[in-house]
PDB file of N, CA and C in Angstrom:
ATOM      1  N   MET A   1    -126.880  45.176  58.686  1.00  0.00           N
ATOM      2  CA  MET A   1    -125.751  44.708  57.659  1.00  0.00           C
ATOM      3  C   MET A   1    -124.356  44.359  57.971  1.00  0.00           C
ATOM      4  N   LYS A   2    -124.161  43.692  57.444  1.00  0.00           N
ATOM      5  CA  LYS A   2    -122.591  43.060  57.497  1.00  0.00           C
ATOM      6  C   LYS A   2    -121.667  44.118  57.105  1.00  0.00           C
ATOM      7  N   TYR A   3    -120.713  44.251  58.463  1.00  0.00           N
ATOM      8  CA  TYR A   3    -119.189  44.613  58.265  1.00  0.00           C
ATOM      9  C   TYR A   3    -118.405  44.012  58.397  1.00  0.00           C
ATOM     10  N   GLU A   4    -116.900  44.359  57.626  1.00  0.00           N
ATOM     11  CA  GLU A   4    -115.893  43.828  57.654  1.00  0.00           C
ATOM     12  C   GLU A   4    -114.985  44.471  58.807  1.00  0.00           C
ATOM     13  N   ILE A   5    -113.868  43.173  59.096  1.00  0.00           N
ATOM     14  CA  ILE A   5    -113.240  43.494  60.460  1.00  0.00           C
ATOM     15  C   ILE A   5    -111.841  44.273  59.365  1.00  0.00           C
ATOM     16  N   GLU A   6    -110.884  45.654  60.459  1.00  0.00           N
ATOM     17  CA  GLU A   6    -110.172  45.710  59.530  1.00  0.00           C
ATOM     18  C   GLU A   6    -110.613  47.000  58.295  1.00  0.00           C
ATOM     19  N   LYS A   7    -111.557  47.201  57.987  1.00  0.00           N
ATOM     20  CA  LYS A   7    -111.704  47.885  56.929  1.00  0.00           C
ATOM     21  C   LYS A   7    -112.484  49.527  57.231  1.00  0.00           C
ATOM     22  N   ARG A   8    -111.741  50.608  56.735  1.00  0.00           N
ATOM     23  CA  ARG A   8    -112.455  51.645  56.712  1.00  0.00           C
ATOM     24  C   ARG A   8    -113.643  52.198  56.059  1.00  0.00           C
ATOM     25  N   TYR A   9    -114.627  52.674  57.015  1.00  0.00           N
ATOM     26  CA  TYR A   9    -115.977  53.150  56.273  1.00  0.00           C
ATOM     27  C   TYR A   9    -115.960  54.340  56.492  1.00  0.00           C
ATOM     28  N   PRO A  10    -116.739  55.446  55.454  1.00  0.00           N
ATOM     29  CA  PRO A  10    -117.215  56.324  56.028  1.00  0.00           C
ATOM     30  C   PRO A  10    -117.743  57.240  57.196  1.00  0.00           C
ATOM     31  N   LEU A  11    -117.073  58.308  57.135  1.00  0.00           N
ATOM     32  CA  LEU A  11    -118.517  58.557  58.543  1.00  0.00           C
ATOM     33  C   LEU A  11    -119.996  57.957  58.609  1.00  0.00           C
ATOM     34  N   THR A  12    -120.379  58.788  57.267  1.00  0.00           N
ATOM     35  CA  THR A  12    -121.950  58.547  57.203  1.00  0.00           C
ATOM     36  C   THR A  12    -122.015  57.096  57.807  1.00  0.00           C
ATOM     37  N   GLU A  13    -121.616  56.188  57.950  1.00  0.00           N
ATOM     38  CA  GLU A  13    -122.047  55.106  58.344  1.00  0.00           C
ATOM     39  C   GLU A  13    -121.721  54.582  59.710  1.00  0.00           C
ATOM     40  N   LEU A  14    -121.382  55.801  60.925  1.00  0.00           N
ATOM     41  CA  LEU A  14    -120.812  55.535  62.204  1.00  0.00           C
ATOM     42  C   LEU A  14    -122.335  55.469  62.767  1.00  0.00           C
ATOM     43  N   GLU A  15    -123.165  56.145  62.741  1.00  0.00           N
ATOM     44  CA  GLU A  15    -124.334  55.422  63.782  1.00  0.00           C
ATOM     45  C   GLU A  15    -124.605  53.843  62.813  1.00  0.00           C
ATOM     46  N   SER A  16    -124.780  53.517  61.988  1.00  0.00           N
ATOM     47  CA  SER A  16    -125.772  52.581  61.790  1.00  0.00           C
ATOM     48  C   SER A  16    -124.521  51.127  61.992  1.00  0.00           C
ATOM     49  N   ILE A  17    -123.031  51.779  62.470  1.00  0.00           N
ATOM     50  CA  ILE A  17    -122.196  51.126  62.691  1.00  0.00           C
ATOM     51  C   ILE A  17    -122.265  50.554  64.630  1.00  0.00           C
ATOM     52  N   ARG A  18    -122.498  51.733  64.772  1.00  0.00           N
ATOM     53  CA  ARG A  18    -122.666  51.917  66.483  1.00  0.00           C
ATOM     54  C   ARG A  18    -124.034  51.132  66.583  1.00  0.00           C
ATOM     55  N   GLU A  19    -124.982  51.243  66.163  1.00  0.00           N
ATOM     56  CA  GLU A  19    -126.152  50.323  66.410  1.00  0.00           C
ATOM     57  C   GLU A  19    -125.848  48.872  65.999  1.00  0.00           C
ATOM     58  N   TRP A  20    -125.039  48.331  65.547  1.00  0.00           N
ATOM     59  CA  TRP A  20    -124.575  46.551  64.722  1.00  0.00           C
ATOM     60  C   TRP A  20    -123.698  46.342  66.045  1.00  0.00           C
ATOM     61  N   TRP A  21    -122.866  47.712  66.534  1.00  0.00           N
ATOM     62  CA  TRP A  21    -121.918  47.424  67.702  1.00  0.00           C
ATOM     63  C   TRP A  21    -122.607  46.746  69.008  1.00  0.00           C
ATOM     64  N   LYS A  22    -123.904  47.046  68.783  1.00  0.00           N
ATOM     65  CA  LYS A  22    -124.145  46.557  70.312  1.00  0.00           C
ATOM     66  C   LYS A  22    -124.623  45.524  70.120  1.00  0.00           C
ATOM     67  N   THR A  23    -124.791  44.422  68.928  1.00  0.00           N
ATOM     68  CA  THR A  23    -124.554  43.381  69.304  1.00  0.00           C
ATOM     69  C   THR A  23    -123.413  42.455  69.090  1.00  0.00           C
ATOM     70  N   HIS A  24    -122.809  43.051  68.738  1.00  0.00           N
ATOM     71  CA  HIS A  24    -121.642  42.592  68.168  1.00  0.00           C
ATOM     72  C   HIS A  24    -120.238  43.438  69.192  1.00  0.00           C
ATOM     73  N   ARG A  25    -120.005  43.119  70.605  1.00  0.00           N
ATOM     74  CA  ARG A  25    -119.437  43.616  71.222  1.00  0.00           C
ATOM     75  C   ARG A  25    -117.977  43.026  71.725  1.00  0.00           C
ATOM     76  N   GLN A  26    -117.654  42.403  70.946  1.00  0.00           N
ATOM     77  CA  GLN A  26    -116.463  41.790  70.638  1.00  0.00           C
ATOM     78  C   GLN A  26    -115.357  42.636  69.596  1.00  0.00           C
ATOM     79  N   TYR A  27    -115.949  43.543  69.271  1.00  0.00           N
ATOM     80  CA  TYR A  27    -115.076  44.257  68.015  1.00  0.00           C
ATOM     81  C   TYR A  27    -115.482  46.119  69.163  1.00  0.00           C
ATOM     82  N   ASP A  28    -113.914  46.516  68.300  1.00  0.00           N
ATOM     83  CA  ASP A  28    -114.119  48.225  69.314  1.00  0.00           C
ATOM     84  C   ASP A  28    -114.176  48.750  67.754  1.00  0.00           C
ATOM     85  N   ILE A  29    -114.613  50.234  67.469  1.00  0.00           N
ATOM     86  CA  ILE A  29    -115.508  51.032  66.629  1.00  0.00           C
ATOM     87  C   ILE A  29    -114.063  52.469  66.850  1.00  0.00           C
ATOM     88  N   ASN A  30    -113.137  52.412  65.958  1.00  0.00           N
ATOM     89  CA  ASN A  30    -112.294  53.669  65.702  1.00  0.00           C
ATOM     90  C   ASN A  30    -112.651  54.712  64.788  1.00  0.00           C
ATOM     91  N   GLU A  31    -112.602  55.758  65.759  1.00  0.00           N
ATOM     92  CA  GLU A  31    -112.939  56.670  64.577  1.00  0.00           C
ATOM     93  C   GLU A  31    -111.936  57.496  64.530  1.00  0.00           C
ATOM     94  N   TYR A  32    -111.996  58.241  63.117  1.00  0.00           N
ATOM     95  CA  TYR A  32    -110.977  58.941  62.629  1.00  0.00           C
ATOM     96  C   TYR A  32    -111.763  60.240  62.071  1.00  0.00           C
ATOM     97  N   GLU A  33    -110.919  61.263  61.703  1.00  0.00           N
ATOM     98  CA  GLU A  33    -111.371  62.279  60.725  1.00  0.00           C
ATOM     99  C   GLU A  33    -111.963  61.830  59.596  1.00  0.00           C
ATOM    100  N   ASP A  34    -111.194  60.676  58.866  1.00  0.00           N
ATOM    101  CA  ASP A  34    -111.762  60.766  57.753  1.00  0.00           C
ATOM    102  C   ASP A  34    -112.777  59.096  57.359  1.00  0.00           C
ATOM    103  N   GLY A  35    -112.777  58.130  58.748  1.00  0.00           N
ATOM    104  CA  GLY A  35    -113.591  57.388  58.317  1.00  0.00           C
ATOM    105  C   GLY A  35    -113.744  56.884  59.948  1.00  0.00           C
ATOM    106  N   VAL A  36    -114.064  55.269  59.714  1.00  0.00           N
ATOM    107  CA  VAL A  36    -114.719  54.861  60.966  1.00  0.00           C
ATOM    108  C   VAL A  36    -113.936  53.300  60.491  1.00  0.00           C
ATOM    109  N   GLU A  37    -113.216  52.571  61.861  1.00  0.00           N
ATOM    110  CA  GLU A  37    -112.694  51.193  61.187  1.00  0.00           C
ATOM    111  C   GLU A  37    -113.384  50.268  62.740  1.00  0.00           C
ATOM    112  N   ILE A  38    -113.540  49.299  62.440  1.00  0.00           N
ATOM    113  CA  ILE A  38    -114.012  47.829  63.050  1.00  0.00           C
ATOM    114  C   ILE A  38    -112.823  46.869  63.330  1.00  0.00           C
ATOM    115  N   VAL A  39    -112.589  47.052  64.665  1.00  0.00           N
ATOM    116  CA  VAL A  39    -111.376  45.788  65.257  1.00  0.00           C
ATOM    117  C   VAL A  39    -111.832  45.048  66.094  1.00  0.00           C
ATOM    118  N   ARG A  40    -111.263  44.037  66.240  1.00  0.00           N
ATOM    119  CA  ARG A  40    -111.434  43.219  67.185  1.00  0.00           C
ATOM    120  C   ARG A  40    -110.811  43.608  68.238  1.00  0.00           C
ATOM    121  N   ARG A  41    -111.806  43.198  69.643  1.00  0.00           N
ATOM    122  CA  ARG A  41    -111.240  43.362  71.265  1.00  0.00           C
ATOM    123  C   ARG A  41    -110.755  41.695  71.971  1.00  0.00           C
ATOM    124  N   ASP A  42    -109.610  42.559  72.729  1.00  0.00           N
ATOM    125  CA  ASP A  42    -108.935  41.465  73.538  1.00  0.00           C
ATOM    126  C   ASP A  42    -110.190  40.149  73.966  1.00  0.00           C
ATOM    127  N   THR A  43    -109.742  39.386  74.358  1.00  0.00           N
ATOM    128  CA  THR A  43    -110.849  38.321  74.269  1.00  0.00           C
ATOM    129  C   THR A  43    -111.212  38.190  75.807  1.00  0.00           C
ATOM    130  N   GLU A  44    -110.043  39.034  76.882  1.00  0.00           N
ATOM    131  CA  GLU A  44    -110.363  39.406  78.267  1.00  0.00           C
ATOM    132  C   GLU A  44    -111.120  40.346  78.440  1.00  0.00           C
ATOM    133  N   ILE A  45    -110.875  41.648  77.747  1.00  0.00           N
ATOM    134  CA  ILE A  45    -111.668  42.579  77.565  1.00  0.00           C
ATOM    135  C   ILE A  45    -113.176  42.391  77.683  1.00  0.00           C
ATOM    136  N   VAL A  46    -113.012  41.469  76.177  1.00  0.00           N
ATOM    137  CA  VAL A  46    -114.835  41.503  76.048  1.00  0.00           C
ATOM    138  C   VAL A  46    -115.258  40.245  77.247  1.00  0.00           C
ATOM    139  N   ALA A  47    -114.915  39.422  77.799  1.00  0.00           N
ATOM    140  CA  ALA A  47    -115.262  38.780  79.474  1.00  0.00           C
ATOM    141  C   ALA A  47    -115.865  39.476  80.010  1.00  0.00           C
ATOM    142  N   ASP A  48    -114.590  40.197  80.203  1.00  0.00           N
ATOM    143  CA  ASP A  48    -114.757  41.399  81.414  1.00  0.00           C
ATOM    144  C   ASP A  48    -116.426  41.894  81.284  1.00  0.00           C
ATOM    145  N   ASP A  49    -116.498  42.659  80.307  1.00  0.00           N
ATOM    146  CA  ASP A  49    -117.308  43.275  79.739  1.00  0.00           C
ATOM    147  C   ASP A  49    -118.593  42.744  79.940  1.00  0.00           C
ATOM    148  N   ILE A  50    -118.512  41.475  79.320  1.00  0.00           N
ATOM    149  CA  ILE A  50    -119.961  40.682  79.562  1.00  0.00           C
ATOM    150  C   ILE A  50    -120.403  40.493  81.376  1.00  0.00           C
ATOM    151  N   ARG A  51    -119.278  40.012  81.849  1.00  0.00           N
ATOM    152  CA  ARG A  51    -119.613  39.953  83.501  1.00  0.00           C
ATOM    153  C   ARG A  51    -120.070  40.896  83.894  1.00  0.00           C
ATOM    154  N   GLU A  52    -119.651  42.124  83.620  1.00  0.00           N
ATOM    155  CA  GLU A  52    -120.405  43.784  83.809  1.00  0.00           C
ATOM    156  C   GLU A  52    -122.056  43.629  83.460  1.00  0.00           C
ATOM    157  N   ARG A  53    -121.993  43.324  81.932  1.00  0.00           N
ATOM    158  CA  ARG A  53    -123.118  43.221  81.758  1.00  0.00           C
ATOM    159  C   ARG A  53    -124.685  42.325  82.404  1.00  0.00           C
ATOM    160  N   ARG A  54    -123.589  41.104  82.527  1.00  0.00           N
ATOM    161  CA  ARG A  54    -124.318  40.343  83.277  1.00  0.00           C
ATOM    162  C   ARG A  54    -124.731  40.240  84.557  1.00  0.00           C
ATOM    163  N   LYS A  55    -123.703  41.106  85.260  1.00  0.00           N
ATOM    164  CA  LYS A  55    -124.459  42.111  86.922  1.00  0.00           C
ATOM    165  C   LYS A  55    -125.894  42.868  86.708  1.00  0.00           C
ATOM    166  N   SER A  56    -125.774  43.689  85.451  1.00  0.00           N
ATOM    167  CA  SER A  56    -126.823  44.171  85.669  1.00  0.00           C
ATOM    168  C   SER A  56    -128.464  43.640  84.796  1.00  0.00           C
ATOM    169  N   GLU A  57    -128.028  42.937  83.655  1.00  0.00           N
ATOM    170  CA  GLU A  57    -129.170  42.512  82.956  1.00  0.00           C
ATOM    171  C   GLU A  57    -129.525  41.096  83.783  1.00  0.00           C
ATOM    172  N   CYS A  58    -128.616  40.149  84.030  1.00  0.00           N
ATOM    173  CA  CYS A  58    -129.134  39.061  84.434  1.00  0.00           C
ATOM    174  C   CYS A  58    -129.304  38.864  85.798  1.00  0.00           C
ATOM    175  N   PHE A  59    -128.397  38.852  86.901  1.00  0.00           N
ATOM    176  CA  PHE A  59    -128.336  38.869  88.129  1.00  0.00           C
ATOM    177  C   PHE A  59    -129.805  39.484  88.735  1.00  0.00           C
ATOM    178  N   PRO A  60    -130.233  40.544  88.438  1.00  0.00           N
ATOM    179  CA  PRO A  60    -131.679  41.229  89.365  1.00  0.00           C
ATOM    180  C   PRO A  60    -132.742  40.319  88.821  1.00  0.00           C
ATOM    181  N   ILE A  61    -132.945  39.987  87.729  1.00  0.00           N
ATOM    182  CA  ILE A  61    -133.760  39.021  87.662  1.00  0.00           C
ATOM    183  C   ILE A  61    -133.778  37.864  88.348  1.00  0.00           C
ATOM    184  N   ILE A  62    -132.804  37.391  88.006  1.00  0.00           N
ATOM    185  CA  ILE A  62    -132.506  35.719  88.661  1.00  0.00           C
ATOM    186  C   ILE A  62    -132.106  35.830  90.163  1.00  0.00           C
ATOM    187  N   ASN A  63    -132.302  36.979  90.676  1.00  0.00           N
ATOM    188  CA  ASN A  63    -132.594  37.213  92.359  1.00  0.00           C
ATOM    189  C   ASN A  63    -133.318  37.757  92.818  1.00  0.00           C
ATOM    190  N   ARG A  64    -134.975  37.458  91.753  1.00  0.00           N
ATOM    191  CA  ARG A  64    -135.639  38.033  92.661  1.00  0.00           C
ATOM    192  C   ARG A  64    -136.771  36.897  93.172  1.00  0.00           C
ATOM    193  N   GLY A  65    -137.349  37.163  94.037  1.00  0.00           N
ATOM    194  CA  GLY A  65    -138.074  35.907  95.210  1.00  0.00           C
ATOM    195  C   GLY A  65    -138.509  35.161  94.836  1.00  0.00           C
ATOM    196  N   GLN A  66    -138.972  34.427  95.673  1.00  0.00           N
ATOM    197  CA  GLN A  66    -139.744  32.738  95.082  1.00  0.00           C
ATOM    198  C   GLN A  66    -141.396  33.278  94.670  1.00  0.00           C
ATOM    199  N   LEU A  67    -142.037  34.483  95.559  1.00  0.00           N
ATOM    200  CA  LEU A  67    -143.455  34.715  95.402  1.00  0.00           C
ATOM    201  C   LEU A  67    -143.326  35.155  93.388  1.00  0.00           C
ATOM    202  N   TRP A  68    -142.296  35.991  92.679  1.00  0.00           N
ATOM    203  CA  TRP A  68    -142.420  35.685  91.459  1.00  0.00           C
ATOM    204  C   TRP A  68    -141.959  34.542  90.502  1.00  0.00           C
ATOM    205  N   TYR A  69    -140.895  33.942  91.231  1.00  0.00           N
ATOM    206  CA  TYR A  69    -140.371  32.331  90.849  1.00  0.00           C
ATOM    207  C   TYR A  69    -141.973  31.340  90.878  1.00  0.00           C
ATOM    208  N   ASN A  70    -142.801  31.321  91.262  1.00  0.00           N
ATOM    209  CA  ASN A  70    -144.251  30.672  91.669  1.00  0.00           C
ATOM    210  C   ASN A  70    -144.822  31.467  90.549  1.00  0.00           C
ATOM    211  N   LYS A  71    -144.926  32.547  90.308  1.00  0.00           N
ATOM    212  CA  LYS A  71    -146.086  33.051  89.020  1.00  0.00           C
ATOM    213  C   LYS A  71    -145.618  32.655  87.611  1.00  0.00           C
ATOM    214  N   LEU A  72    -144.434  31.903  87.713  1.00  0.00           N
ATOM    215  CA  LEU A  72    -144.056  31.457  86.184  1.00  0.00           C
ATOM    216  C   LEU A  72    -144.766  30.056  85.845  1.00  0.00           C
ATOM    217  N   THR A  73    -144.751  29.872  84.719  1.00  0.00           N
ATOM    218  CA  THR A  73    -145.130  28.845  84.073  1.00  0.00           C
ATOM    219  C   THR A  73    -144.254  28.051  83.849  1.00  0.00           C
ATOM    220  N   GLU A  74    -144.225  26.645  83.859  1.00  0.00           N
ATOM    221  CA  GLU A  74    -143.188  25.564  83.704  1.00  0.00           C
ATOM    222  C   GLU A  74    -142.271  25.967  82.510  1.00  0.00           C
ATOM    223  N   ALA A  75    -142.943  26.314  80.667  1.00  0.00           N
ATOM    224  CA  ALA A  75    -142.333  26.900  80.125  1.00  0.00           C
ATOM    225  C   ALA A  75    -141.323  27.715  80.670  1.00  0.00           C
ATOM    226  N   GLN A  76    -141.660  29.192  81.212  1.00  0.00           N
ATOM    227  CA  GLN A  76    -141.135  29.979  81.821  1.00  0.00           C
ATOM    228  C   GLN A  76    -140.159  29.662  82.727  1.00  0.00           C
ATOM    229  N   LYS A  77    -140.332  28.603  83.479  1.00  0.00           N
ATOM    230  CA  LYS A  77    -138.924  28.345  84.110  1.00  0.00           C
ATOM    231  C   LYS A  77    -137.918  27.559  83.802  1.00  0.00           C
ATOM    232  N   SER A  78    -138.468  27.065  82.468  1.00  0.00           N
ATOM    233  CA  SER A  78    -137.136  25.935  81.722  1.00  0.00           C
ATOM    234  C   SER A  78    -136.208  27.242  80.586  1.00  0.00           C
ATOM    235  N   GLU A  79    -137.508  28.354  80.410  1.00  0.00           N
ATOM    236  CA  GLU A  79    -136.501  29.110  79.731  1.00  0.00           C
ATOM    237  C   GLU A  79    -135.646  29.722  80.181  1.00  0.00           C
ATOM    238  N   LEU A  80    -136.115  30.356  81.721  1.00  0.00           N
ATOM    239  CA  LEU A  80    -135.107  30.947  82.111  1.00  0.00           C
ATOM    240  C   LEU A  80    -134.030  30.434  83.003  1.00  0.00           C
ATOM    241  N   ASP A  81    -133.971  29.156  83.287  1.00  0.00           N
ATOM    242  CA  ASP A  81    -132.606  28.726  83.622  1.00  0.00           C
ATOM    243  C   ASP A  81    -131.352  28.556  82.424  1.00  0.00           C
ATOM    244  N   ALA A  82    -132.657  28.149  80.937  1.00  0.00           N
ATOM    245  CA  ALA A  82    -131.483  28.309  79.857  1.00  0.00           C
ATOM    246  C   ALA A  82    -130.726  29.394  79.824  1.00  0.00           C
ATOM    247  N   TRP A  83    -131.444  30.309  80.136  1.00  0.00           N
ATOM    248  CA  TRP A  83    -131.384  32.007  79.632  1.00  0.00           C
ATOM    249  C   TRP A  83    -130.123  32.279  81.102  1.00  0.00           C
ATOM    250  N   TYR A  84    -130.284  32.017  81.844  1.00  0.00           N
ATOM    251  CA  TYR A  84    -129.850  31.916  83.265  1.00  0.00           C
ATOM    252  C   TYR A  84    -127.931  31.219  83.275  1.00  0.00           C
ATOM    253  N   GLN A  85    -128.124  30.131  82.465  1.00  0.00           N
ATOM    254  CA  GLN A  85    -126.832  28.751  82.220  1.00  0.00           C
ATOM    255  C   GLN A  85    -126.345  29.974  81.231  1.00  0.00           C
ATOM    256  N   ALA A  86    -126.837  30.044  80.246  1.00  0.00           N
ATOM    257  CA  ALA A  86    -126.397  31.358  78.992  1.00  0.00           C
ATOM    258  C   ALA A  86    -125.762  32.256  79.292  1.00  0.00           C
ATOM    259  N   TRP A  87    -126.385  33.066  80.416  1.00  0.00           N
ATOM    260  CA  TRP A  87    -125.392  33.897  80.909  1.00  0.00           C
ATOM    261  C   TRP A  87    -123.917  33.674  81.813  1.00  0.00           C
ATOM    262  N   LEU A  88    -124.407  32.532  82.498  1.00  0.00           N
ATOM    263  CA  LEU A  88    -123.080  31.889  83.034  1.00  0.00           C
ATOM    264  C   LEU A  88    -122.046  31.396  82.378  1.00  0.00           C
ATOM    265  N   ASP A  89    -122.451  31.060  81.198  1.00  0.00           N
ATOM    266  CA  ASP A  89    -121.024  31.014  79.623  1.00  0.00           C
ATOM    267  C   ASP A  89    -120.947  31.909  79.527  1.00  0.00           C
ATOM    268  N   ALA A  90    -121.251  32.822  79.234  1.00  0.00           N
ATOM    269  CA  ALA A  90    -121.239  34.264  78.542  1.00  0.00           C
ATOM    270  C   ALA A  90    -119.518  34.502  78.061  1.00  0.00           C
ATOM    271  N   PRO A  91    -119.250  34.027  79.639  1.00  0.00           N
ATOM    272  CA  PRO A  91    -117.216  35.195  79.447  1.00  0.00           C
ATOM    273  C   PRO A  91    -116.668  34.184  78.460  1.00  0.00           C
ATOM    274  N   GLU A  92    -117.156  32.605  78.826  1.00  0.00           N
ATOM    275  CA  GLU A  92    -116.239  31.736  77.901  1.00  0.00           C
ATOM    276  C   GLU A  92    -116.832  31.346  76.454  1.00  0.00           C
ATOM    277  N   THR A  93    -117.802  31.735  76.413  1.00  0.00           N
ATOM    278  CA  THR A  93    -118.389  31.548  75.323  1.00  0.00           C
ATOM    279  C   THR A  93    -118.122  33.019  74.543  1.00  0.00           C
ATOM    280  N   LEU A  94    -118.134  34.028  74.676  1.00  0.00           N
ATOM    281  CA  LEU A  94    -118.048  35.021  74.405  1.00  0.00           C
ATOM    282  C   LEU A  94    -119.541  35.369  73.569  1.00  0.00           C
ATOM    283  N   THR A  95    -120.344  34.698  74.566  1.00  0.00           N
ATOM    284  CA  THR A  95    -121.721  35.217  73.276  1.00  0.00           C
ATOM    285  C   THR A  95    -122.858  35.791  74.970  1.00  0.00           C
ATOM    286  N   GLU A  96    -123.491  37.114  74.448  1.00  0.00           N
ATOM    287  CA  GLU A  96    -124.352  37.169  75.545  1.00  0.00           C
ATOM    288  C   GLU A  96    -125.651  36.889  75.118  1.00  0.00           C
ATOM    289  N   PRO A  97    -126.626  36.078  75.979  1.00  0.00           N
ATOM    290  CA  PRO A  97    -127.741  35.835  74.928  1.00  0.00           C
ATOM    291  C   PRO A  97    -128.912  36.447  75.178  1.00  0.00           C
ATOM    292  N   GLU A  98    -129.879  36.041  73.838  1.00  0.00           N
ATOM    293  CA  GLU A  98    -131.080  37.043  74.026  1.00  0.00           C
ATOM    294  C   GLU A  98    -132.095  36.693  75.386  1.00  0.00           C
ATOM    295  N   THR A  99    -132.176  37.940  75.751  1.00  0.00           N
ATOM    296  CA  THR A  99    -133.295  37.793  76.734  1.00  0.00           C
ATOM    297  C   THR A  99    -134.746  37.512  76.328  1.00  0.00           C
ATOM    298  N   PRO A 100    -135.237  36.521  76.944  1.00  0.00           N
ATOM    299  CA  PRO A 100    -136.771  36.143  76.574  1.00  0.00           C
ATOM    300  C   PRO A 100    -138.146  37.311  76.391  1.00  0.00           C
ATOM    301  N   ALA A 101    -138.891  36.981  75.598  1.00  0.00           N
ATOM    302  CA  ALA A 101    -139.390  38.527  74.756  1.00  0.00           C
ATOM    303  C   ALA A 101    -140.126  38.156  76.562  1.00  0.00           C
ATOM    304  N   TRP A 102    -140.970  37.645  77.306  1.00  0.00           N
ATOM    305  CA  TRP A 102    -141.662  37.717  78.208  1.00  0.00           C
ATOM    306  C   TRP A 102    -141.296  38.675  78.964  1.00  0.00           C
ATOM    307  N   LEU A 103    -139.394  38.408  79.486  1.00  0.00           N
ATOM    308  CA  LEU A 103    -138.751  39.192  80.389  1.00  0.00           C
ATOM    309  C   LEU A 103    -138.776  40.722  80.214  1.00  0.00           C
ATOM    310  N   LYS A 104    -138.933  41.171  78.938  1.00  0.00           N
ATOM    311  CA  LYS A 104    -138.912  42.504  78.769  1.00  0.00           C
ATOM    312  C   LYS A 104    -139.583  43.383  78.526  1.00  0.00           C
ATOM    313  N   GLU A 105    -141.250  42.048  78.262  1.00  0.00           N
ATOM    314  CA  GLU A 105    -142.438  43.037  79.084  1.00  0.00           C
ATOM    315  C   GLU A 105    -142.686  43.815  80.454  1.00  0.00           C
TER     316      GLU A 105
END
């Protein structure tokens, strides 16, 4: 679903908005007694959050040993390199890259 910024939604939308927020972390969710509002977050706060997520989601994979890397195909190595670069750029772009499907397995 698409949500508008600085518009109030009924509380019945809260769970759906929380799910949406997982891929839209440049926003905050303000909860009120009578509804929910989505607001833009400060850019530096978003960048800091991305840096923290990069530590837990990217670096443990990138810092695996040479034996693990030797098992990757050339296509996987190329995709891993692009994914890593996207994570390095993420605090500036404010966009977290999608994890390659084969890394989720």
